[in-house]
């Protein structure tokens, strides 16, 4: 696995973070529970139960958490 994983990278906040990291020249994979709506952040995406099994943060030096809940 290479690049920077963005947990929640397909949501409102996470997609903006992913797009900014891509714009700064980094490879990004956005991880989410469900498939993203049509968007082009330049990041690869992964979603579903397999994401939990794949453990996207294992061995990474940098992990970005873009999953937030507005209240």
C-alpha atoms as a PDB file:
ATOM      1  CA  UNK A   1       0.000   0.000   0.000  1.00  0.00           C
ATOM      2  CA  UNK A   2       1.407   3.355  -0.934  1.00  0.00           C
ATOM      3  CA  UNK A   3       0.395   6.940  -0.572  1.00  0.00           C
ATOM      4  CA  UNK A   4      -1.593   8.596   2.171  1.00  0.00           C
ATOM      5  CA  UNK A   5      -4.817   6.960   3.373  1.00  0.00           C
ATOM      6  CA  UNK A   6      -7.680   9.361   4.072  1.00  0.00           C
ATOM      7  CA  UNK A   7     -10.289   7.728   6.292  1.00  0.00           C
ATOM      8  CA  UNK A   8     -13.683   9.172   5.350  1.00  0.00           C
ATOM      9  CA  UNK A   9     -12.119  10.629   2.219  1.00  0.00           C
ATOM     10  CA  UNK A  10     -15.299  10.490   0.154  1.00  0.00           C
ATOM     11  CA  UNK A  11     -17.431  12.670   2.433  1.00  0.00           C
ATOM     12  CA  UNK A  12     -17.757  16.451   2.452  1.00  0.00           C
ATOM     13  CA  UNK A  13     -14.718  17.190   4.624  1.00  0.00           C
ATOM     14  CA  UNK A  14     -12.616  14.165   3.686  1.00  0.00           C
ATOM     15  CA  UNK A  15     -13.014  14.765  -0.063  1.00  0.00           C
ATOM     16  CA  UNK A  16     -11.697  18.309   0.347  1.00  0.00           C
ATOM     17  CA  UNK A  17      -8.751  17.046   2.355  1.00  0.00           C
ATOM     18  CA  UNK A  18      -8.030  14.314  -0.212  1.00  0.00           C
ATOM     19  CA  UNK A  19      -8.168  16.807  -3.095  1.00  0.00           C
ATOM     20  CA  UNK A  20      -5.764  19.157  -1.308  1.00  0.00           C
ATOM     21  CA  UNK A  21      -3.275  16.374  -0.549  1.00  0.00           C
ATOM     22  CA  UNK A  22      -3.429  15.251  -4.205  1.00  0.00           C
ATOM     23  CA  UNK A  23      -2.891  18.865  -5.305  1.00  0.00           C
ATOM     24  CA  UNK A  24       0.265  18.882  -3.193  1.00  0.00           C
ATOM     25  CA  UNK A  25       1.624  15.959  -5.201  1.00  0.00           C
ATOM     26  CA  UNK A  26       0.892  12.994  -2.943  1.00  0.00           C
ATOM     27  CA  UNK A  27      -0.788   9.699  -3.830  1.00  0.00           C
ATOM     28  CA  UNK A  28      -4.021   9.324  -1.864  1.00  0.00           C
ATOM     29  CA  UNK A  29      -6.496   6.523  -1.262  1.00  0.00           C
ATOM     30  CA  UNK A  30      -9.851   7.568   0.186  1.00  0.00           C
ATOM     31  CA  UNK A  31     -11.525   4.955   2.386  1.00  0.00           C
ATOM     32  CA  UNK A  32     -15.260   4.947   3.196  1.00  0.00           C
ATOM     33  CA  UNK A  33     -18.093   2.653   4.247  1.00  0.00           C
ATOM     34  CA  UNK A  34     -20.078   3.280   1.065  1.00  0.00           C
ATOM     35  CA  UNK A  35     -19.314   4.050  -2.566  1.00  0.00           C
ATOM     36  CA  UNK A  36     -18.712   7.736  -3.200  1.00  0.00           C
ATOM     37  CA  UNK A  37     -21.037   9.928  -5.216  1.00  0.00           C
ATOM     38  CA  UNK A  38     -19.542  11.094  -8.505  1.00  0.00           C
ATOM     39  CA  UNK A  39     -16.542  13.208  -7.576  1.00  0.00           C
ATOM     40  CA  UNK A  40     -13.066  13.702  -8.907  1.00  0.00           C
ATOM     41  CA  UNK A  41     -10.587  14.392  -6.135  1.00  0.00           C
ATOM     42  CA  UNK A  42      -7.779  12.627  -7.974  1.00  0.00           C
ATOM     43  CA  UNK A  43      -7.593  10.041  -5.202  1.00  0.00           C
ATOM     44  CA  UNK A  44      -8.092   6.314  -5.522  1.00  0.00           C
ATOM     45  CA  UNK A  45     -11.094   5.047  -3.570  1.00  0.00           C
ATOM     46  CA  UNK A  46     -11.903   1.938  -1.565  1.00  0.00           C
ATOM     47  CA  UNK A  47     -15.147   1.197   0.228  1.00  0.00           C
ATOM     48  CA  UNK A  48     -17.186  -1.469   1.962  1.00  0.00           C
ATOM     49  CA  UNK A  49     -16.541  -4.252   4.420  1.00  0.00           C
ATOM     50  CA  UNK A  50     -13.257  -5.132   2.696  1.00  0.00           C
ATOM     51  CA  UNK A  51     -11.813  -1.822   3.847  1.00  0.00           C
ATOM     52  CA  UNK A  52     -12.089  -2.987   7.455  1.00  0.00           C
ATOM     53  CA  UNK A  53     -10.351  -6.272   6.642  1.00  0.00           C
ATOM     54  CA  UNK A  54      -7.592  -4.567   4.645  1.00  0.00           C
ATOM     55  CA  UNK A  55      -6.536  -2.357   7.590  1.00  0.00           C
ATOM     56  CA  UNK A  56      -5.588   0.691   5.487  1.00  0.00           C
ATOM     57  CA  UNK A  57      -3.503   2.260   8.249  1.00  0.00           C
ATOM     58  CA  UNK A  58      -1.177  -0.673   8.966  1.00  0.00           C
ATOM     59  CA  UNK A  59       2.417   0.338   8.342  1.00  0.00           C
ATOM     60  CA  UNK A  60       1.607   3.921   7.323  1.00  0.00           C
ATOM     61  CA  UNK A  61       3.620   6.880   8.571  1.00  0.00           C
ATOM     62  CA  UNK A  62       0.803   9.343   7.870  1.00  0.00           C
ATOM     63  CA  UNK A  63      -2.959   8.795   8.177  1.00  0.00           C
ATOM     64  CA  UNK A  64      -5.558  11.525   7.722  1.00  0.00           C
ATOM     65  CA  UNK A  65      -8.947  11.199   9.407  1.00  0.00           C
ATOM     66  CA  UNK A  66     -11.513  13.102   7.384  1.00  0.00           C
ATOM     67  CA  UNK A  67     -14.480  11.346   8.940  1.00  0.00           C
ATOM     68  CA  UNK A  68     -16.354  13.865  11.051  1.00  0.00           C
ATOM     69  CA  UNK A  69     -19.909  14.181  12.289  1.00  0.00           C
ATOM     70  CA  UNK A  70     -21.448  17.650  12.377  1.00  0.00           C
ATOM     71  CA  UNK A  71     -23.770  18.217  15.300  1.00  0.00           C
END
